[in-house]
Amino acid sequence: MNRIIGMGIGVLYLGIAFGALQWANNGWATGYEDVGFWWTVIAVILTIAATGALIGTWIHTQPRED
């Protein structure tokens, strides 16, 4: 159950990061470089968080061999 929740959170963060990249693309395309830049920064931070959630969940939910 913990693996499902952790992976779900990682996928949710990836979805939010994708949305942030869309906002960044809109900012760059309309000439608002500052908006594009900061949404890109937000998207990168969210992608790092998603990667951490996915990898951390995978590592910490492996069965133990005692």
PDB file of N, CA and C in Angstrom:
ATOM      1  N   MET A   1       0.816  -1.189   0.000  1.00  0.00           N
ATOM      2  CA  MET A   1       0.000   0.000   0.000  1.00  0.00           C
ATOM      3  C   MET A   1       0.867   1.263   0.000  1.00  0.00           C
ATOM      4  N   ASN A   2       1.962   1.247   0.779  1.00  0.00           N
ATOM      5  CA  ASN A   2       2.847   2.415   0.809  1.00  0.00           C
ATOM      6  C   ASN A   2       3.470   2.685  -0.549  1.00  0.00           C
ATOM      7  N   ARG A   3       3.793   1.612  -1.287  1.00  0.00           N
ATOM      8  CA  ARG A   3       4.387   1.795  -2.609  1.00  0.00           C
ATOM      9  C   ARG A   3       3.404   2.472  -3.553  1.00  0.00           C
ATOM     10  N   ILE A   4       2.156   2.083  -3.490  1.00  0.00           N
ATOM     11  CA  ILE A   4       1.142   2.684  -4.356  1.00  0.00           C
ATOM     12  C   ILE A   4       0.988   4.170  -4.054  1.00  0.00           C
ATOM     13  N   ILE A   5       0.934   4.509  -2.772  1.00  0.00           N
ATOM     14  CA  ILE A   5       0.779   5.913  -2.386  1.00  0.00           C
ATOM     15  C   ILE A   5       2.002   6.727  -2.811  1.00  0.00           C
ATOM     16  N   GLY A   6       3.197   6.219  -2.546  1.00  0.00           N
ATOM     17  CA  GLY A   6       4.417   6.930  -2.913  1.00  0.00           C
ATOM     18  C   GLY A   6       4.555   7.135  -4.406  1.00  0.00           C
ATOM     19  N   MET A   7       4.271   6.097  -5.173  1.00  0.00           N
ATOM     20  CA  MET A   7       4.351   6.216  -6.631  1.00  0.00           C
ATOM     21  C   MET A   7       3.277   7.177  -7.148  1.00  0.00           C
ATOM     22  N   GLY A   8       2.111   7.132  -6.532  1.00  0.00           N
ATOM     23  CA  GLY A   8       1.037   8.047  -6.928  1.00  0.00           C
ATOM     24  C   GLY A   8       1.423   9.500  -6.702  1.00  0.00           C
ATOM     25  N   ILE A   9       2.064   9.766  -5.574  1.00  0.00           N
ATOM     26  CA  ILE A   9       2.520  11.128  -5.298  1.00  0.00           C
ATOM     27  C   ILE A   9       3.581  11.546  -6.313  1.00  0.00           C
ATOM     28  N   GLY A  10       4.501  10.642  -6.648  1.00  0.00           N
ATOM     29  CA  GLY A  10       5.515  10.952  -7.653  1.00  0.00           C
ATOM     30  C   GLY A  10       4.902  11.270  -9.006  1.00  0.00           C
ATOM     31  N   VAL A  11       3.909  10.491  -9.405  1.00  0.00           N
ATOM     32  CA  VAL A  11       3.242  10.732 -10.687  1.00  0.00           C
ATOM     33  C   VAL A  11       2.454  12.041 -10.637  1.00  0.00           C
ATOM     34  N   LEU A  12       1.832  12.328  -9.504  1.00  0.00           N
ATOM     35  CA  LEU A  12       1.107  13.587  -9.342  1.00  0.00           C
ATOM     36  C   LEU A  12       2.053  14.779  -9.488  1.00  0.00           C
ATOM     37  N   TYR A  13       3.222  14.699  -8.848  1.00  0.00           N
ATOM     38  CA  TYR A  13       4.217  15.765  -8.984  1.00  0.00           C
ATOM     39  C   TYR A  13       4.675  15.914 -10.431  1.00  0.00           C
ATOM     40  N   LEU A  14       4.837  14.797 -11.141  1.00  0.00           N
ATOM     41  CA  LEU A  14       5.222  14.889 -12.551  1.00  0.00           C
ATOM     42  C   LEU A  14       4.143  15.585 -13.375  1.00  0.00           C
ATOM     43  N   GLY A  15       2.886  15.305 -13.063  1.00  0.00           N
ATOM     44  CA  GLY A  15       1.791  15.982 -13.762  1.00  0.00           C
ATOM     45  C   GLY A  15       1.779  17.478 -13.505  1.00  0.00           C
ATOM     46  N   ILE A  16       2.010  17.860 -12.252  1.00  0.00           N
ATOM     47  CA  ILE A  16       2.063  19.284 -11.925  1.00  0.00           C
ATOM     48  C   ILE A  16       3.268  19.934 -12.601  1.00  0.00           C
ATOM     49  N   ALA A  17       4.391  19.230 -12.655  1.00  0.00           N
ATOM     50  CA  ALA A  17       5.579  19.756 -13.331  1.00  0.00           C
ATOM     51  C   ALA A  17       5.306  19.954 -14.819  1.00  0.00           C
ATOM     52  N   PHE A  18       4.567  19.034 -15.424  1.00  0.00           N
ATOM     53  CA  PHE A  18       4.217  19.181 -16.830  1.00  0.00           C
ATOM     54  C   PHE A  18       3.347  20.413 -17.039  1.00  0.00           C
ATOM     55  N   GLY A  19       2.414  20.642 -16.128  1.00  0.00           N
ATOM     56  CA  GLY A  19       1.590  21.852 -16.206  1.00  0.00           C
ATOM     57  C   GLY A  19       2.426  23.113 -16.070  1.00  0.00           C
ATOM     58  N   ALA A  20       3.409  23.092 -15.168  1.00  0.00           N
ATOM     59  CA  ALA A  20       4.296  24.243 -15.006  1.00  0.00           C
ATOM     60  C   ALA A  20       5.103  24.489 -16.280  1.00  0.00           C
ATOM     61  N   LEU A  21       5.525  23.411 -16.947  1.00  0.00           N
ATOM     62  CA  LEU A  21       6.251  23.588 -18.213  1.00  0.00           C
ATOM     63  C   LEU A  21       5.363  24.200 -19.290  1.00  0.00           C
ATOM     64  N   GLN A  22       4.080  23.867 -19.266  1.00  0.00           N
ATOM     65  CA  GLN A  22       3.156  24.484 -20.225  1.00  0.00           C
ATOM     66  C   GLN A  22       3.020  25.982 -19.962  1.00  0.00           C
ATOM     67  N   TRP A  23       2.925  26.367 -18.684  1.00  0.00           N
ATOM     68  CA  TRP A  23       2.878  27.788 -18.333  1.00  0.00           C
ATOM     69  C   TRP A  23       4.164  28.477 -18.767  1.00  0.00           C
ATOM     70  N   ALA A  24       5.301  27.814 -18.561  1.00  0.00           N
ATOM     71  CA  ALA A  24       6.585  28.381 -18.968  1.00  0.00           C
ATOM     72  C   ALA A  24       6.632  28.575 -20.478  1.00  0.00           C
ATOM     73  N   ASN A  25       6.160  27.589 -21.209  1.00  0.00           N
ATOM     74  CA  ASN A  25       6.148  27.690 -22.665  1.00  0.00           C
ATOM     75  C   ASN A  25       5.272  28.857 -23.120  1.00  0.00           C
ATOM     76  N   ASN A  26       4.125  29.016 -22.469  1.00  0.00           N
ATOM     77  CA  ASN A  26       3.261  30.148 -22.813  1.00  0.00           C
ATOM     78  C   ASN A  26       3.956  31.474 -22.516  1.00  0.00           C
ATOM     79  N   GLY A  27       4.674  31.544 -21.415  1.00  0.00           N
ATOM     80  CA  GLY A  27       5.406  32.767 -21.083  1.00  0.00           C
ATOM     81  C   GLY A  27       6.477  33.091 -22.100  1.00  0.00           C
ATOM     82  N   TRP A  28       7.252  32.068 -22.477  1.00  0.00           N
ATOM     83  CA  TRP A  28       8.307  32.298 -23.468  1.00  0.00           C
ATOM     84  C   TRP A  28       7.702  32.702 -24.817  1.00  0.00           C
ATOM     85  N   ALA A  29       6.608  32.028 -25.199  1.00  0.00           N
ATOM     86  CA  ALA A  29       6.016  32.268 -26.520  1.00  0.00           C
ATOM     87  C   ALA A  29       5.401  33.653 -26.644  1.00  0.00           C
ATOM     88  N   THR A  30       4.903  34.212 -25.551  1.00  0.00           N
ATOM     89  CA  THR A  30       4.254  35.528 -25.619  1.00  0.00           C
ATOM     90  C   THR A  30       5.205  36.675 -25.312  1.00  0.00           C
ATOM     91  N   GLY A  31       6.479  36.372 -25.098  1.00  0.00           N
ATOM     92  CA  GLY A  31       7.459  37.424 -24.898  1.00  0.00           C
ATOM     93  C   GLY A  31       7.692  37.810 -23.450  1.00  0.00           C
ATOM     94  N   TYR A  32       7.084  37.084 -22.519  1.00  0.00           N
ATOM     95  CA  TYR A  32       7.307  37.356 -21.097  1.00  0.00           C
ATOM     96  C   TYR A  32       8.392  36.408 -20.594  1.00  0.00           C
ATOM     97  N   GLU A  33       9.638  36.813 -20.800  1.00  0.00           N
ATOM     98  CA  GLU A  33      10.758  35.948 -20.459  1.00  0.00           C
ATOM     99  C   GLU A  33      10.833  35.664 -18.962  1.00  0.00           C
ATOM    100  N   ASP A  34      10.438  36.650 -18.140  1.00  0.00           N
ATOM    101  CA  ASP A  34      10.497  36.441 -16.696  1.00  0.00           C
ATOM    102  C   ASP A  34       9.507  35.374 -16.254  1.00  0.00           C
ATOM    103  N   VAL A  35       8.321  35.382 -16.830  1.00  0.00           N
ATOM    104  CA  VAL A  35       7.317  34.359 -16.508  1.00  0.00           C
ATOM    105  C   VAL A  35       7.802  32.991 -16.976  1.00  0.00           C
ATOM    106  N   GLY A  36       8.333  32.936 -18.184  1.00  0.00           N
ATOM    107  CA  GLY A  36       8.856  31.673 -18.702  1.00  0.00           C
ATOM    108  C   GLY A  36       9.987  31.134 -17.850  1.00  0.00           C
ATOM    109  N   PHE A  37      10.881  32.024 -17.423  1.00  0.00           N
ATOM    110  CA  PHE A  37      12.013  31.596 -16.612  1.00  0.00           C
ATOM    111  C   PHE A  37      11.559  31.024 -15.276  1.00  0.00           C
ATOM    112  N   TRP A  38      10.702  31.760 -14.566  1.00  0.00           N
ATOM    113  CA  TRP A  38      10.321  31.305 -13.226  1.00  0.00           C
ATOM    114  C   TRP A  38       9.450  30.064 -13.264  1.00  0.00           C
ATOM    115  N   TRP A  39       8.589  29.913 -14.273  1.00  0.00           N
ATOM    116  CA  TRP A  39       7.819  28.673 -14.374  1.00  0.00           C
ATOM    117  C   TRP A  39       8.728  27.503 -14.740  1.00  0.00           C
ATOM    118  N   THR A  40       9.795  27.774 -15.480  1.00  0.00           N
ATOM    119  CA  THR A  40      10.769  26.717 -15.763  1.00  0.00           C
ATOM    120  C   THR A  40      11.486  26.295 -14.488  1.00  0.00           C
ATOM    121  N   VAL A  41      11.852  27.262 -13.650  1.00  0.00           N
ATOM    122  CA  VAL A  41      12.486  26.945 -12.366  1.00  0.00           C
ATOM    123  C   VAL A  41      11.549  26.107 -11.509  1.00  0.00           C
ATOM    124  N   ILE A  42      10.287  26.493 -11.440  1.00  0.00           N
ATOM    125  CA  ILE A  42       9.300  25.740 -10.658  1.00  0.00           C
ATOM    126  C   ILE A  42       9.162  24.325 -11.206  1.00  0.00           C
ATOM    127  N   ALA A  43       9.115  24.186 -12.532  1.00  0.00           N
ATOM    128  CA  ALA A  43       8.979  22.861 -13.144  1.00  0.00           C
ATOM    129  C   ALA A  43      10.179  21.978 -12.828  1.00  0.00           C
ATOM    130  N   VAL A  44      11.377  22.550 -12.824  1.00  0.00           N
ATOM    131  CA  VAL A  44      12.575  21.765 -12.510  1.00  0.00           C
ATOM    132  C   VAL A  44      12.537  21.301 -11.057  1.00  0.00           C
ATOM    133  N   ILE A  45      12.153  22.182 -10.150  1.00  0.00           N
ATOM    134  CA  ILE A  45      12.065  21.805  -8.736  1.00  0.00           C
ATOM    135  C   ILE A  45      11.023  20.702  -8.535  1.00  0.00           C
ATOM    136  N   LEU A  46       9.890  20.816  -9.194  1.00  0.00           N
ATOM    137  CA  LEU A  46       8.861  19.780  -9.079  1.00  0.00           C
ATOM    138  C   LEU A  46       9.324  18.459  -9.683  1.00  0.00           C
ATOM    139  N   THR A  47      10.084  18.518 -10.766  1.00  0.00           N
ATOM    140  CA  THR A  47      10.608  17.293 -11.372  1.00  0.00           C
ATOM    141  C   THR A  47      11.606  16.618 -10.442  1.00  0.00           C
ATOM    142  N   ILE A  48      12.439  17.402  -9.770  1.00  0.00           N
ATOM    143  CA  ILE A  48      13.376  16.835  -8.803  1.00  0.00           C
ATOM    144  C   ILE A  48      12.609  16.186  -7.653  1.00  0.00           C
ATOM    145  N   ALA A  49      11.552  16.854  -7.176  1.00  0.00           N
ATOM    146  CA  ALA A  49      10.743  16.290  -6.095  1.00  0.00           C
ATOM    147  C   ALA A  49      10.065  14.995  -6.537  1.00  0.00           C
ATOM    148  N   ALA A  50       9.557  14.963  -7.757  1.00  0.00           N
ATOM    149  CA  ALA A  50       8.909  13.759  -8.265  1.00  0.00           C
ATOM    150  C   ALA A  50       9.893  12.611  -8.391  1.00  0.00           C
ATOM    151  N   THR A  51      11.077  12.909  -8.891  1.00  0.00           N
ATOM    152  CA  THR A  51      12.102  11.873  -9.019  1.00  0.00           C
ATOM    153  C   THR A  51      12.493  11.334  -7.649  1.00  0.00           C
ATOM    154  N   GLY A  52      12.640  12.220  -6.684  1.00  0.00           N
ATOM    155  CA  GLY A  52      12.954  11.795  -5.324  1.00  0.00           C
ATOM    156  C   GLY A  52      11.866  10.935  -4.725  1.00  0.00           C
ATOM    157  N   ALA A  53      10.607  11.303  -4.968  1.00  0.00           N
ATOM    158  CA  ALA A  53       9.488  10.515  -4.448  1.00  0.00           C
ATOM    159  C   ALA A  53       9.456   9.128  -5.087  1.00  0.00           C
ATOM    160  N   LEU A  54       9.662   9.059  -6.382  1.00  0.00           N
ATOM    161  CA  LEU A  54       9.607   7.771  -7.071  1.00  0.00           C
ATOM    162  C   LEU A  54      10.770   6.863  -6.669  1.00  0.00           C
ATOM    163  N   ILE A  55      11.973   7.402  -6.684  1.00  0.00           N
ATOM    164  CA  ILE A  55      13.140   6.588  -6.329  1.00  0.00           C
ATOM    165  C   ILE A  55      13.121   6.229  -4.849  1.00  0.00           C
ATOM    166  N   GLY A  56      12.790   7.194  -4.001  1.00  0.00           N
ATOM    167  CA  GLY A  56      12.718   6.928  -2.568  1.00  0.00           C
ATOM    168  C   GLY A  56      11.681   5.896  -2.214  1.00  0.00           C
ATOM    169  N   THR A  57      10.536   5.964  -2.867  1.00  0.00           N
ATOM    170  CA  THR A  57       9.491   4.965  -2.632  1.00  0.00           C
ATOM    171  C   THR A  57       9.974   3.591  -3.055  1.00  0.00           C
ATOM    172  N   TRP A  58      10.616   3.521  -4.210  1.00  0.00           N
ATOM    173  CA  TRP A  58      11.103   2.236  -4.708  1.00  0.00           C
ATOM    174  C   TRP A  58      12.136   1.626  -3.763  1.00  0.00           C
ATOM    175  N   ILE A  59      13.059   2.451  -3.293  1.00  0.00           N
ATOM    176  CA  ILE A  59      14.119   1.953  -2.417  1.00  0.00           C
ATOM    177  C   ILE A  59      13.556   1.510  -1.068  1.00  0.00           C
ATOM    178  N   HIS A  60      12.689   2.321  -0.483  1.00  0.00           N
ATOM    179  CA  HIS A  60      12.247   2.078   0.883  1.00  0.00           C
ATOM    180  C   HIS A  60      11.070   1.104   1.010  1.00  0.00           C
ATOM    181  N   THR A  61      10.580   0.614  -0.123  1.00  0.00           N
ATOM    182  CA  THR A  61       9.500  -0.382  -0.050  1.00  0.00           C
ATOM    183  C   THR A  61       9.929  -1.749  -0.558  1.00  0.00           C
ATOM    184  N   GLN A  62      11.221  -1.939  -0.724  1.00  0.00           N
ATOM    185  CA  GLN A  62      11.720  -3.255  -1.134  1.00  0.00           C
ATOM    186  C   GLN A  62      11.626  -4.219   0.050  1.00  0.00           C
ATOM    187  N   PRO A  63      11.309  -5.477  -0.214  1.00  0.00           N
ATOM    188  CA  PRO A  63      11.263  -6.453   0.888  1.00  0.00           C
ATOM    189  C   PRO A  63      12.652  -6.646   1.503  1.00  0.00           C
ATOM    190  N   ARG A  64      12.663  -6.828   2.806  1.00  0.00           N
ATOM    191  CA  ARG A  64      13.928  -7.031   3.522  1.00  0.00           C
ATOM    192  C   ARG A  64      14.261  -8.510   3.602  1.00  0.00           C
ATOM    193  N   GLU A  65      15.546  -8.779   3.591  1.00  0.00           N
ATOM    194  CA  GLU A  65      16.028 -10.147   3.800  1.00  0.00           C
ATOM    195  C   GLU A  65      16.738 -10.171   5.146  1.00  0.00           C
ATOM    196  N   ASP A  66      16.019 -10.528   6.196  1.00  0.00           N
ATOM    197  CA  ASP A  66      16.603 -10.562   7.544  1.00  0.00           C
ATOM    198  C   ASP A  66      17.228 -11.887   7.844  1.00  0.00           C
TER     199      ASP A  66
END
